[in-house]
Amino acid sequence: MKKIAAGAINALKDALSTIYWYKSDLRSFLLAVISDNNLLSRINWDEYKINICGNLINYMQLHEETYQNDLLKLITEISKIDNFSHLEKLDGGKEKAQNARNAVKALKDISKTFLSQQKKQDEVEQTRRINYEKQMQDQALRDKIDTIKKEYFTLLSTDDHQKRGFQLEKILKLLFEVFDLDPKASFRITGEQIDGAFTFDKTDYLFEAKWQKLPTSIEDLDAFSGKLSRKLENTLGLFLSINGFSEDAIKAHTMGRKLMILMDGSDLMAILECRIDLIELLYRKKRFASQTGNIYLRIHEIMQNIDEV
């Protein structure tokens, strides 16, 4: 995740504290822009306005992994403001409006490069989606995915857990091949069993899959994290658990350095049903983890965002 520059953060504080004179207007604006209302509950509205804005932005910057999206939205929405008539009506209104206008311009100028990069990233993501929809018109590709889906459905009815796990690895290797992810079969290094590996977005990934009755535990993620930490620094991991993950496992591995992203059976079904392609799924999960620190983005959240585009 590329952090927002300190200069842009300072310009944001200045602009936020000047665009509205009354705290009630400021509060309405923040409620409309910031997605996490719990964040606003931290604000002491008895403070001076400049302190309210400074404390809020400082907290969001300190926890940028969680709040970068909201910081970017604040920068974007404030940069769009070009009407300051609400300030001009006040005593000394011309000066207040000019100060706000200057602060917004400074924020817009200093954030221009960062926002431009963000826009390019969004455009890349949209291009991926368009290309996938074109690919899915290729009957040969649809037939390959349909064959893999039928094999997976056959596994759903088997009680042989050992065979099911082995066949799942084979199915996933086939799926990685369909999407040109250069998969490697399972291998063993100095006593460590790795279910597989692949390359995505110029990064090497180790892959592990679990298919058990209970959600995958923190001990399983700890073990996988240990394997990743003993590889090259830029090696990441993809952990697929058909029946999901325990809450403590997700929470523990969302803190600290993010070594892996998580995938569950619902993600796999969405791919096999051609509702999303594997490349876009990985891209969105990786981007979300980089921006928010959350390594477990659910498929319904991904599809909701796609539908809104």
Protein backbone atom coordinates (compact mmCIF):
# COMPACT_ATOMS: atom_id res chain seq x y z
CA MET A 1 0.00 0.00 0.00
CA LYS A 2 1.42 3.36 -1.01
CA LYS A 3 0.92 5.75 1.90
CA ILE A 4 -0.52 9.21 1.40
CA ALA A 5 2.23 11.84 1.55
CA ALA A 6 2.56 13.90 4.74
CA GLY A 7 2.12 17.11 2.73
CA ALA A 8 -1.25 15.91 1.44
CA ILE A 9 -2.32 14.97 4.97
CA ASN A 10 -1.46 18.46 6.26
CA ALA A 11 -3.28 20.07 3.34
CA LEU A 12 -6.31 17.87 4.07
CA LYS A 13 -6.42 19.03 7.71
CA ASP A 14 -6.23 22.66 6.62
CA ALA A 15 -8.93 22.32 3.96
CA LEU A 16 -11.28 20.31 6.17
CA SER A 17 -11.11 22.90 8.93
CA THR A 18 -11.86 25.83 6.59
CA ILE A 19 -14.56 24.59 4.17
CA TYR A 20 -17.29 24.92 6.82
CA TRP A 21 -17.65 27.53 9.55
CA TYR A 22 -20.26 25.76 11.67
CA LYS A 23 -19.54 22.42 13.33
CA SER A 24 -22.99 21.13 12.39
CA ASP A 25 -22.15 21.58 8.68
CA LEU A 26 -18.79 19.91 9.17
CA ARG A 27 -20.46 17.01 10.94
CA SER A 28 -23.00 16.55 8.13
CA PHE A 29 -20.19 16.51 5.56
CA LEU A 30 -18.18 13.90 7.48
CA LEU A 31 -21.24 11.70 7.97
CA ALA A 32 -21.86 11.77 4.23
CA VAL A 33 -18.26 10.97 3.25
CA ILE A 34 -16.78 8.67 5.89
CA SER A 35 -18.05 5.08 5.70
CA ASP A 36 -17.26 4.10 9.30
CA ASN A 37 -19.62 6.01 11.60
CA ASN A 38 -17.85 4.55 14.64
CA LEU A 39 -14.87 6.66 13.66
CA LEU A 40 -16.94 9.82 14.09
CA SER A 41 -17.99 8.73 17.57
CA ARG A 42 -14.39 9.39 18.65
CA ILE A 43 -14.78 13.10 17.95
CA ASN A 44 -15.15 15.52 20.84
CA TRP A 45 -17.42 18.14 19.29
CA ASP A 46 -16.74 20.53 22.18
CA GLU A 47 -13.21 21.04 20.84
CA TYR A 48 -12.24 23.86 18.50
CA LYS A 49 -12.91 23.00 14.87
CA ILE A 50 -9.22 22.98 13.96
CA ASN A 51 -8.56 20.44 16.74
CA ILE A 52 -11.50 18.28 15.67
CA CYS A 53 -10.15 18.06 12.11
CA GLY A 54 -6.54 17.61 13.20
CA ASN A 55 -7.29 14.85 15.71
CA LEU A 56 -9.56 13.00 13.26
CA ILE A 57 -7.07 13.04 10.37
CA ASN A 58 -4.15 12.18 12.66
CA TYR A 59 -6.01 9.11 13.91
CA MET A 60 -6.93 8.03 10.39
CA GLN A 61 -3.32 8.49 9.23
CA LEU A 62 -2.03 6.49 12.21
CA HIS A 63 -4.34 3.64 11.14
CA GLU A 64 -3.99 4.23 7.40
CA GLU A 65 -4.18 0.51 6.60
CA THR A 66 -7.79 0.66 7.79
CA TYR A 67 -8.82 4.19 6.80
CA GLN A 68 -6.95 4.96 3.57
CA ASN A 69 -10.11 4.63 1.47
CA ASP A 70 -11.89 7.17 3.68
CA LEU A 71 -8.88 9.52 3.56
CA LEU A 72 -8.84 9.31 -0.23
CA LYS A 73 -12.58 9.94 -0.36
CA LEU A 74 -12.19 13.02 1.86
CA ILE A 75 -9.43 14.34 -0.41
CA THR A 76 -11.50 13.67 -3.53
CA GLU A 77 -14.75 15.17 -2.22
CA ILE A 78 -13.09 18.27 -0.76
CA SER A 79 -11.15 18.81 -4.01
CA LYS A 80 -14.50 18.94 -5.87
CA ILE A 81 -15.83 21.85 -3.78
CA ASP A 82 -15.94 25.07 -5.83
CA ASN A 83 -18.89 26.90 -4.29
CA PHE A 84 -18.18 28.82 -1.08
CA SER A 85 -21.31 30.99 -0.98
CA HIS A 86 -22.19 29.48 2.41
CA LEU A 87 -19.10 31.20 3.82
CA GLU A 88 -19.55 34.45 1.93
CA LYS A 89 -22.84 35.09 3.77
CA LEU A 90 -21.04 35.26 7.14
CA ASP A 91 -19.33 38.23 8.76
CA GLY A 92 -15.97 38.55 7.05
CA GLY A 93 -17.35 36.11 4.54
CA LYS A 94 -15.15 37.10 1.61
CA GLU A 95 -12.00 36.39 3.60
CA LYS A 96 -13.38 33.10 4.96
CA ALA A 97 -14.38 31.99 1.46
CA GLN A 98 -10.99 32.94 0.03
CA ASN A 99 -9.15 31.05 2.77
CA ALA A 100 -11.26 27.97 2.06
CA ARG A 101 -10.75 28.37 -1.70
CA ASN A 102 -6.97 28.59 -1.23
CA ALA A 103 -6.92 25.58 1.10
CA VAL A 104 -8.93 23.45 -1.34
CA LYS A 105 -6.67 24.46 -4.23
CA ALA A 106 -3.56 23.58 -2.20
CA LEU A 107 -5.04 20.17 -1.36
CA LYS A 108 -5.99 19.57 -4.99
CA ASP A 109 -2.53 20.54 -6.26
CA ILE A 110 -0.55 18.47 -3.78
CA SER A 111 -2.82 15.40 -4.16
CA LYS A 112 -3.01 15.50 -7.94
CA THR A 113 -0.26 12.93 -8.57
CA PHE A 114 -1.53 10.47 -5.96
CA LEU A 115 -5.14 10.70 -7.14
CA SER A 116 -4.01 10.30 -10.75
CA GLN A 117 -2.23 7.06 -9.83
CA GLN A 118 -5.34 5.89 -8.01
CA LYS A 119 -7.47 6.64 -11.06
CA LYS A 120 -5.10 4.65 -13.28
CA GLN A 121 -5.35 1.72 -10.88
CA ASP A 122 -9.15 1.86 -11.10
CA GLU A 123 -8.95 1.98 -14.88
CA VAL A 124 -6.67 -1.08 -14.92
CA GLU A 125 -9.20 -2.93 -12.78
CA GLN A 126 -12.05 -1.97 -15.10
CA THR A 127 -10.02 -3.10 -18.11
CA ARG A 128 -9.47 -6.47 -16.45
CA ARG A 129 -13.22 -6.83 -16.06
CA ILE A 130 -13.96 -5.94 -19.68
CA ASN A 131 -11.28 -8.32 -20.97
CA TYR A 132 -12.67 -11.13 -18.83
CA GLU A 133 -16.19 -10.62 -20.16
CA LYS A 134 -14.78 -10.82 -23.68
CA GLN A 135 -12.87 -13.99 -22.79
CA MET A 136 -15.97 -15.61 -21.37
CA GLN A 137 -17.59 -15.29 -24.78
CA ASP A 138 -15.03 -17.88 -25.90
CA GLN A 139 -16.93 -21.15 -25.66
CA ALA A 140 -13.69 -23.12 -25.27
CA LEU A 141 -12.84 -21.28 -22.08
CA ARG A 142 -16.35 -21.71 -20.71
CA ASP A 143 -16.18 -25.42 -21.49
CA LYS A 144 -12.90 -25.80 -19.56
CA ILE A 145 -14.32 -24.07 -16.49
CA ASP A 146 -17.52 -26.10 -16.76
CA THR A 147 -15.50 -29.33 -16.79
CA ILE A 148 -13.64 -28.24 -13.66
CA LYS A 149 -16.94 -27.33 -12.01
CA LYS A 150 -18.36 -30.79 -12.68
CA GLU A 151 -15.31 -32.41 -11.09
CA TYR A 152 -15.71 -30.19 -8.06
CA PHE A 153 -19.41 -31.05 -7.71
CA THR A 154 -18.45 -34.74 -7.77
CA LEU A 155 -16.14 -34.11 -4.81
CA LEU A 156 -18.97 -32.50 -2.83
CA SER A 157 -20.73 -35.86 -2.56
CA THR A 158 -17.72 -37.96 -1.51
CA ASP A 159 -16.98 -38.97 2.09
CA ASP A 160 -13.36 -39.90 1.40
CA HIS A 161 -11.67 -36.88 2.95
CA GLN A 162 -8.14 -37.86 1.94
CA LYS A 163 -9.13 -38.42 -1.69
CA ARG A 164 -11.20 -35.24 -1.65
CA GLY A 165 -8.22 -33.17 -0.50
CA PHE A 166 -5.93 -34.66 -3.13
CA GLN A 167 -8.48 -34.14 -5.92
CA LEU A 168 -9.11 -30.56 -4.77
CA GLU A 169 -5.42 -29.77 -5.31
CA LYS A 170 -5.64 -31.18 -8.85
CA ILE A 171 -8.78 -29.17 -9.60
CA LEU A 172 -7.19 -25.95 -8.39
CA LYS A 173 -4.05 -26.58 -10.44
CA LEU A 174 -6.27 -26.94 -13.53
CA LEU A 175 -8.06 -23.71 -12.62
CA PHE A 176 -4.75 -21.86 -12.24
CA GLU A 177 -3.69 -23.16 -15.66
CA VAL A 178 -6.89 -21.84 -17.27
CA PHE A 179 -6.04 -18.35 -16.01
CA ASP A 180 -2.32 -18.55 -16.98
CA LEU A 181 -1.01 -18.39 -13.42
CA ASP A 182 1.90 -20.77 -14.09
CA PRO A 183 0.96 -23.24 -11.32
CA LYS A 184 3.36 -25.73 -9.77
CA ALA A 185 2.13 -28.99 -8.24
CA SER A 186 2.47 -29.78 -4.54
CA PHE A 187 6.05 -30.19 -3.32
CA ARG A 188 8.02 -30.79 -0.14
CA ILE A 189 10.97 -28.74 1.11
CA THR A 190 12.92 -29.75 4.23
CA GLY A 191 9.91 -31.45 5.73
CA GLU A 192 7.37 -28.76 4.77
CA GLN A 193 4.43 -29.82 2.60
CA ILE A 194 3.29 -27.09 0.23
CA ASP A 195 0.06 -27.67 -1.69
CA GLY A 196 1.29 -25.68 -4.66
CA ALA A 197 2.62 -22.40 -5.98
CA PHE A 198 1.83 -19.91 -8.75
CA THR A 199 2.81 -16.50 -10.05
CA PHE A 200 0.39 -13.57 -10.03
CA ASP A 201 1.04 -9.90 -10.78
CA LYS A 202 4.84 -10.54 -10.88
CA THR A 203 4.72 -11.99 -7.36
CA ASP A 204 5.33 -15.60 -6.36
CA TYR A 205 2.62 -17.18 -4.20
CA LEU A 206 2.58 -20.34 -2.13
CA PHE A 207 -0.80 -22.00 -2.02
CA GLU A 208 -2.51 -24.10 0.63
CA ALA A 209 -5.99 -25.61 0.70
CA LYS A 210 -8.10 -27.06 3.52
CA TRP A 211 -11.39 -28.91 3.24
CA GLN A 212 -12.61 -29.83 6.69
CA LYS A 213 -15.90 -29.60 8.57
CA LEU A 214 -14.87 -26.73 10.85
CA PRO A 215 -13.55 -23.33 9.77
CA THR A 216 -9.78 -23.21 9.47
CA SER A 217 -8.17 -22.37 12.81
CA ILE A 218 -5.51 -19.90 13.85
CA GLU A 219 -3.04 -22.80 14.22
CA ASP A 220 -3.37 -23.64 10.51
CA LEU A 221 -2.77 -20.03 9.47
CA ASP A 222 0.15 -19.79 11.90
CA ALA A 223 1.74 -22.84 10.29
CA PHE A 224 1.26 -21.42 6.79
CA SER A 225 2.62 -18.05 7.89
CA GLY A 226 5.72 -19.83 9.19
CA LYS A 227 6.29 -21.43 5.79
CA LEU A 228 5.93 -18.05 4.08
CA SER A 229 8.31 -16.28 6.47
CA ARG A 230 11.06 -18.75 5.56
CA LYS A 231 10.82 -17.89 1.85
CA LEU A 232 12.05 -14.81 -0.03
CA GLU A 233 10.68 -11.53 1.33
CA ASN A 234 8.42 -10.85 -1.64
CA THR A 235 6.73 -14.29 -1.46
CA LEU A 236 3.05 -14.15 -0.48
CA GLY A 237 0.45 -16.82 0.20
CA LEU A 238 -3.07 -17.78 -0.82
CA PHE A 239 -4.95 -19.94 1.69
CA LEU A 240 -8.17 -21.58 0.50
CA SER A 241 -10.47 -22.99 3.17
CA ILE A 242 -13.66 -24.42 1.67
CA ASN A 243 -15.57 -23.87 4.93
CA GLY A 244 -14.06 -20.51 5.85
CA PHE A 245 -11.93 -19.34 8.76
CA SER A 246 -12.39 -18.83 12.48
CA GLU A 247 -12.75 -15.22 13.60
CA ASP A 248 -9.66 -15.36 15.82
CA ALA A 249 -7.60 -16.68 12.88
CA ILE A 250 -8.72 -13.79 10.67
CA LYS A 251 -8.14 -11.19 13.36
CA ALA A 252 -4.69 -12.46 14.31
CA HIS A 253 -3.39 -12.49 10.76
CA THR A 254 -4.96 -9.17 9.82
CA MET A 255 -2.61 -7.53 12.32
CA GLY A 256 1.07 -7.03 11.57
CA ARG A 257 2.74 -7.81 8.25
CA LYS A 258 0.28 -9.16 5.69
CA LEU A 259 1.76 -12.38 4.31
CA MET A 260 -1.34 -13.95 2.81
CA ILE A 261 -4.83 -13.45 1.43
CA LEU A 262 -7.74 -15.74 2.24
CA MET A 263 -10.21 -17.48 -0.04
CA ASP A 264 -13.18 -19.72 0.79
CA GLY A 265 -15.64 -22.06 -0.92
CA SER A 266 -17.95 -19.21 -1.88
CA ASP A 267 -15.09 -17.56 -3.78
CA LEU A 268 -14.37 -20.82 -5.59
CA MET A 269 -18.04 -21.27 -6.57
CA ALA A 270 -18.20 -17.72 -7.93
CA ILE A 271 -15.25 -18.53 -10.20
CA LEU A 272 -16.67 -21.87 -11.34
CA GLU A 273 -20.03 -20.23 -12.06
CA CYS A 274 -18.23 -17.57 -14.15
CA ARG A 275 -19.51 -14.72 -11.98
CA ILE A 276 -15.91 -13.51 -11.57
CA ASP A 277 -12.57 -14.68 -12.91
CA LEU A 278 -9.73 -15.86 -10.70
CA ILE A 279 -7.44 -13.01 -11.77
CA GLU A 280 -9.91 -10.31 -10.77
CA LEU A 281 -10.72 -12.09 -7.51
CA LEU A 282 -7.04 -12.18 -6.53
CA TYR A 283 -6.48 -8.63 -7.68
CA ARG A 284 -9.35 -7.26 -5.60
CA LYS A 285 -8.41 -9.30 -2.52
CA LYS A 286 -4.77 -8.21 -2.73
CA ARG A 287 -5.67 -4.57 -3.29
CA PHE A 288 -8.19 -4.59 -0.42
CA ALA A 289 -5.59 -6.15 1.91
CA SER A 290 -3.03 -3.52 0.89
CA GLN A 291 -5.42 -0.63 1.41
CA THR A 292 -7.25 -1.76 4.56
CA GLY A 293 -5.11 -4.46 6.17
CA ASN A 294 -8.04 -6.91 5.97
CA ILE A 295 -6.85 -10.17 4.34
CA TYR A 296 -10.34 -11.71 4.04
CA LEU A 297 -12.55 -9.83 1.57
CA ARG A 298 -15.76 -11.84 1.05
CA ILE A 299 -17.15 -12.55 -2.41
CA HIS A 300 -20.47 -10.78 -1.72
CA GLU A 301 -18.53 -7.58 -0.96
CA ILE A 302 -16.55 -7.96 -4.19
CA MET A 303 -19.68 -8.56 -6.28
CA GLN A 304 -21.47 -5.62 -4.67
CA ASN A 305 -18.62 -3.31 -5.69
CA ILE A 306 -18.62 -4.73 -9.22
CA ASP A 307 -22.39 -4.16 -9.52
CA GLU A 308 -21.94 -0.55 -8.40
CA VAL A 309 -19.31 0.21 -11.07
